Amino acid sequence: MTSRGNWDALREDTLRAPEAAAGYEAARVRFKLGRAVRERREALERLAAALGMRLRVGFEPRDQAVG
């Protein structure tokens, strides 16, 4: 099974299983979310650099958060 067509057919056959399709969809959503987060972070880093600042992102417990 070395030709491209055979691999494509194997992939299609595999993704017909409901579990495989669900796993593929979950991975696709995670990939898109990761890309969106990375793009937003990069935009914020550029903004911070333009303002002569450093971007700092973190999590704090609600009882210690400001605001």
N, C-alpha and C. Protein backbone atom coordinates (compact mmCIF):
# COMPACT_ATOMS: atom_id res chain seq x y z
N MET A 1 0.85 -1.18 0.00
CA MET A 1 0.00 0.00 0.00
C MET A 1 0.89 1.23 0.00
N THR A 2 1.45 1.56 -1.12
CA THR A 2 2.38 2.68 -1.19
C THR A 2 1.84 3.85 -1.98
N SER A 3 0.85 3.65 -2.78
CA SER A 3 0.36 4.77 -3.61
C SER A 3 -0.54 5.69 -2.79
N ARG A 4 -0.59 6.94 -3.21
CA ARG A 4 -1.39 7.95 -2.52
C ARG A 4 -2.86 7.55 -2.47
N GLY A 5 -3.37 7.02 -3.57
CA GLY A 5 -4.77 6.62 -3.62
C GLY A 5 -5.11 5.56 -2.60
N ASN A 6 -4.22 4.62 -2.41
CA ASN A 6 -4.48 3.57 -1.43
C ASN A 6 -4.51 4.12 -0.01
N TRP A 7 -3.60 5.04 0.31
CA TRP A 7 -3.60 5.64 1.64
C TRP A 7 -4.86 6.47 1.86
N ASP A 8 -5.28 7.20 0.84
CA ASP A 8 -6.52 7.99 0.95
C ASP A 8 -7.71 7.08 1.19
N ALA A 9 -7.77 5.97 0.46
CA ALA A 9 -8.88 5.02 0.64
C ALA A 9 -8.85 4.43 2.05
N LEU A 10 -7.67 4.09 2.55
CA LEU A 10 -7.55 3.54 3.90
C LEU A 10 -8.02 4.56 4.93
N ARG A 11 -7.63 5.81 4.75
CA ARG A 11 -8.04 6.86 5.68
C ARG A 11 -9.56 7.02 5.67
N GLU A 12 -10.13 7.05 4.48
CA GLU A 12 -11.59 7.18 4.39
C GLU A 12 -12.30 6.01 5.05
N ASP A 13 -11.81 4.81 4.83
CA ASP A 13 -12.41 3.63 5.46
C ASP A 13 -12.31 3.73 6.98
N THR A 14 -11.17 4.17 7.47
CA THR A 14 -10.96 4.29 8.91
C THR A 14 -11.89 5.33 9.51
N LEU A 15 -12.05 6.44 8.84
CA LEU A 15 -12.87 7.52 9.38
C LEU A 15 -14.36 7.24 9.30
N ARG A 16 -14.74 6.20 8.64
CA ARG A 16 -16.17 5.84 8.61
C ARG A 16 -16.65 5.32 9.96
N ALA A 17 -15.72 4.81 10.78
CA ALA A 17 -16.10 4.35 12.12
C ALA A 17 -16.49 5.56 12.96
N PRO A 18 -17.61 5.50 13.66
CA PRO A 18 -18.06 6.66 14.44
C PRO A 18 -17.01 7.15 15.45
N GLU A 19 -16.30 6.22 16.09
CA GLU A 19 -15.30 6.60 17.08
C GLU A 19 -14.15 7.37 16.42
N ALA A 20 -13.74 6.91 15.27
CA ALA A 20 -12.64 7.57 14.56
C ALA A 20 -13.06 8.95 14.08
N ALA A 21 -14.26 9.06 13.57
CA ALA A 21 -14.75 10.36 13.11
C ALA A 21 -14.85 11.33 14.27
N ALA A 22 -15.33 10.86 15.42
CA ALA A 22 -15.44 11.73 16.60
C ALA A 22 -14.05 12.16 17.07
N GLY A 23 -13.11 11.25 17.07
CA GLY A 23 -11.75 11.58 17.48
C GLY A 23 -11.11 12.57 16.52
N TYR A 24 -11.34 12.37 15.25
CA TYR A 24 -10.79 13.30 14.24
C TYR A 24 -11.39 14.69 14.43
N GLU A 25 -12.69 14.77 14.66
CA GLU A 25 -13.35 16.05 14.84
C GLU A 25 -12.83 16.74 16.11
N ALA A 26 -12.66 15.98 17.18
CA ALA A 26 -12.14 16.56 18.43
C ALA A 26 -10.73 17.10 18.21
N ALA A 27 -9.90 16.37 17.51
CA ALA A 27 -8.54 16.82 17.23
C ALA A 27 -8.56 18.07 16.35
N ARG A 28 -9.46 18.12 15.39
CA ARG A 28 -9.56 19.29 14.51
C ARG A 28 -9.96 20.53 15.30
N VAL A 29 -10.91 20.37 16.21
CA VAL A 29 -11.36 21.50 17.03
C VAL A 29 -10.22 21.98 17.94
N ARG A 30 -9.49 21.04 18.56
CA ARG A 30 -8.36 21.42 19.41
C ARG A 30 -7.29 22.15 18.61
N PHE A 31 -7.03 21.69 17.40
CA PHE A 31 -6.03 22.33 16.54
C PHE A 31 -6.46 23.76 16.22
N LYS A 32 -7.73 23.94 15.84
CA LYS A 32 -8.22 25.28 15.51
C LYS A 32 -8.17 26.20 16.72
N LEU A 33 -8.53 25.69 17.89
CA LEU A 33 -8.48 26.49 19.10
C LEU A 33 -7.04 26.88 19.42
N GLY A 34 -6.12 25.95 19.31
CA GLY A 34 -4.72 26.24 19.56
C GLY A 34 -4.19 27.31 18.62
N ARG A 35 -4.57 27.21 17.36
CA ARG A 35 -4.13 28.21 16.38
C ARG A 35 -4.71 29.58 16.73
N ALA A 36 -5.98 29.63 17.11
CA ALA A 36 -6.60 30.91 17.45
C ALA A 36 -5.93 31.53 18.68
N VAL A 37 -5.63 30.72 19.68
CA VAL A 37 -4.97 31.22 20.89
C VAL A 37 -3.58 31.74 20.55
N ARG A 38 -2.84 30.99 19.74
CA ARG A 38 -1.49 31.41 19.35
C ARG A 38 -1.54 32.72 18.57
N GLU A 39 -2.47 32.84 17.63
CA GLU A 39 -2.58 34.07 16.85
C GLU A 39 -2.92 35.27 17.74
N ARG A 40 -3.81 35.07 18.70
CA ARG A 40 -4.18 36.16 19.62
C ARG A 40 -2.99 36.54 20.48
N ARG A 41 -2.26 35.56 21.00
CA ARG A 41 -1.09 35.85 21.82
C ARG A 41 -0.04 36.61 21.02
N GLU A 42 0.20 36.19 19.77
CA GLU A 42 1.18 36.88 18.93
C GLU A 42 0.76 38.32 18.67
N ALA A 43 -0.53 38.55 18.46
CA ALA A 43 -1.02 39.91 18.24
C ALA A 43 -0.83 40.75 19.50
N LEU A 44 -1.10 40.18 20.65
CA LEU A 44 -0.92 40.90 21.90
C LEU A 44 0.55 41.19 22.17
N GLU A 45 1.42 40.25 21.81
CA GLU A 45 2.86 40.48 21.97
C GLU A 45 3.34 41.62 21.08
N ARG A 46 2.82 41.70 19.85
CA ARG A 46 3.18 42.80 18.96
C ARG A 46 2.68 44.13 19.51
N LEU A 47 1.46 44.13 20.04
CA LEU A 47 0.91 45.35 20.63
C LEU A 47 1.75 45.79 21.83
N ALA A 48 2.08 44.86 22.69
CA ALA A 48 2.89 45.18 23.87
C ALA A 48 4.25 45.74 23.44
N ALA A 49 4.87 45.12 22.45
CA ALA A 49 6.17 45.60 21.97
C ALA A 49 6.05 47.01 21.41
N ALA A 50 4.97 47.29 20.69
CA ALA A 50 4.77 48.62 20.12
C ALA A 50 4.59 49.66 21.21
N LEU A 51 4.05 49.24 22.35
CA LEU A 51 3.84 50.16 23.47
C LEU A 51 5.03 50.19 24.42
N GLY A 52 6.07 49.43 24.08
CA GLY A 52 7.25 49.36 24.95
C GLY A 52 6.98 48.60 26.23
N MET A 53 6.11 47.63 26.14
CA MET A 53 5.73 46.84 27.32
C MET A 53 6.01 45.37 27.07
N ARG A 54 5.82 44.60 28.13
CA ARG A 54 5.97 43.15 28.04
C ARG A 54 4.61 42.52 28.35
N LEU A 55 4.22 41.54 27.59
CA LEU A 55 2.96 40.84 27.81
C LEU A 55 3.17 39.80 28.91
N ARG A 56 2.28 39.80 29.89
CA ARG A 56 2.32 38.80 30.95
C ARG A 56 0.93 38.21 31.08
N VAL A 57 0.83 36.91 30.95
CA VAL A 57 -0.45 36.21 31.03
C VAL A 57 -0.35 35.18 32.14
N GLY A 58 -1.38 35.08 32.95
CA GLY A 58 -1.35 34.10 34.02
C GLY A 58 -2.74 33.87 34.60
N PHE A 59 -2.80 32.96 35.53
CA PHE A 59 -4.05 32.64 36.22
C PHE A 59 -3.87 32.91 37.72
N GLU A 60 -4.90 33.46 38.33
CA GLU A 60 -4.90 33.70 39.76
C GLU A 60 -6.20 33.19 40.34
N PRO A 61 -6.18 32.72 41.58
CA PRO A 61 -7.43 32.33 42.22
C PRO A 61 -8.37 33.53 42.28
N ARG A 62 -9.67 33.29 42.20
CA ARG A 62 -10.64 34.39 42.20
C ARG A 62 -10.54 35.28 43.42
N ASP A 63 -10.25 34.71 44.59
CA ASP A 63 -10.21 35.52 45.80
C ASP A 63 -8.99 36.44 45.85
N GLN A 64 -8.01 36.23 44.94
CA GLN A 64 -6.81 37.08 44.91
C GLN A 64 -6.80 37.97 43.68
N ALA A 65 -7.73 37.76 42.76
CA ALA A 65 -7.75 38.53 41.52
C ALA A 65 -8.18 39.96 41.79
N VAL A 66 -7.61 40.85 41.04
CA VAL A 66 -7.96 42.26 41.15
C VAL A 66 -9.13 42.55 40.23
N GLY A 67 -10.10 43.26 40.68
CA GLY A 67 -11.19 43.66 39.83
C GLY A 67 -12.34 42.82 40.02
